[in-house]
Amino acid sequence: MSERSSRYGRGSDAIFIGWRVTPRGTRLAQFTITAKEHPFFGFTVSEPVLRNLNLRVPKILFRESKENEFRSSIMNGK
């Protein structure tokens, strides 16, 4: 099994790298494309872009404590 398969889920075409917050406060998941055969290999894109490119979107494991930390940082302007 390749490192990509074992670490990011079997057959994943991208890895989750974090969140981007829009000026309106909406959170958008950001991914780096890991499908080596894809012309956008290495690009960082949002979930809708992954779907438009017909790439598989990996599951995001998000702990409640991390979500609370994220919300707190947004509310405190960090």
Protein backbone atom coordinates (compact mmCIF):
# COMPACT_ATOMS: atom_id res chain seq x y z
CA MET A 1 0.00 0.00 0.00
CA SER A 2 1.38 3.40 -0.91
CA GLU A 3 1.94 6.10 1.70
CA ARG A 4 -0.84 8.15 0.11
CA SER A 5 -3.32 5.28 0.41
CA SER A 6 -2.46 4.41 3.98
CA ARG A 7 -2.27 7.97 5.26
CA TYR A 8 -5.10 9.73 3.45
CA GLY A 9 -7.56 6.98 2.64
CA ARG A 10 -7.60 4.55 -0.22
CA GLY A 11 -7.66 6.24 -3.58
CA SER A 12 -7.85 9.78 -2.27
CA ASP A 13 -7.22 12.41 -4.94
CA ALA A 14 -6.49 15.22 -2.48
CA ILE A 15 -5.52 15.94 1.11
CA PHE A 16 -7.26 18.32 3.47
CA ILE A 17 -4.90 21.14 4.47
CA GLY A 18 -7.13 23.51 6.42
CA TRP A 19 -9.87 26.10 6.31
CA ARG A 20 -10.15 29.42 4.53
CA VAL A 21 -12.58 31.96 5.91
CA THR A 22 -14.29 34.24 3.42
CA PRO A 23 -14.91 37.92 4.20
CA ARG A 24 -18.49 36.96 5.11
CA GLY A 25 -17.23 34.41 7.64
CA THR A 26 -18.01 31.27 5.66
CA ARG A 27 -15.53 28.42 6.12
CA LEU A 28 -14.28 26.67 2.99
CA ALA A 29 -12.30 23.46 3.23
CA GLN A 30 -9.04 23.63 1.30
CA PHE A 31 -7.35 20.63 -0.32
CA THR A 32 -4.12 19.96 -2.18
CA ILE A 33 -4.54 17.75 -5.23
CA THR A 34 -2.41 14.60 -4.91
CA ALA A 35 -3.47 12.75 -8.08
CA LYS A 36 -0.12 12.74 -9.89
CA GLU A 37 -1.69 12.15 -13.29
CA HIS A 38 -3.97 15.19 -12.94
CA PRO A 39 -2.91 18.45 -14.67
CA PHE A 40 -3.59 20.35 -11.42
CA PHE A 41 -1.37 18.10 -9.28
CA GLY A 42 -0.07 20.13 -6.30
CA PHE A 43 -2.66 22.90 -6.63
CA THR A 44 -4.64 23.98 -3.57
CA VAL A 45 -8.38 24.20 -4.24
CA SER A 46 -11.75 24.23 -2.47
CA GLU A 47 -14.18 21.30 -2.31
CA PRO A 48 -16.44 22.61 -5.11
CA VAL A 49 -13.42 22.85 -7.41
CA LEU A 50 -12.42 19.25 -6.58
CA ARG A 51 -15.92 18.13 -7.50
CA ASN A 52 -15.89 20.17 -10.74
CA LEU A 53 -12.60 18.48 -11.65
CA ASN A 54 -14.20 15.06 -10.99
CA LEU A 55 -11.73 14.30 -8.20
CA ARG A 56 -12.60 12.33 -5.07
CA VAL A 57 -13.06 14.49 -1.98
CA PRO A 58 -11.51 12.96 1.16
CA LYS A 59 -13.42 12.81 4.41
CA ILE A 60 -12.51 15.49 6.92
CA LEU A 61 -12.13 14.28 10.49
CA PHE A 62 -12.97 17.26 12.62
CA ARG A 63 -12.87 17.10 16.39
CA GLU A 64 -15.33 19.20 18.36
CA SER A 65 -12.52 20.72 20.42
CA LYS A 66 -10.80 21.89 17.25
CA GLU A 67 -14.06 23.42 16.01
CA ASN A 68 -14.48 25.30 19.29
CA GLU A 69 -10.85 26.48 19.03
CA PHE A 70 -11.51 27.63 15.47
CA ARG A 71 -14.69 29.51 16.42
CA SER A 72 -12.92 31.16 19.34
CA SER A 73 -10.07 32.33 17.12
CA ILE A 74 -12.55 33.81 14.62
CA MET A 75 -14.50 35.60 17.34
CA ASN A 76 -11.29 36.98 18.85
CA GLY A 77 -9.96 38.14 15.47
CA LYS A 78 -6.98 35.77 15.43
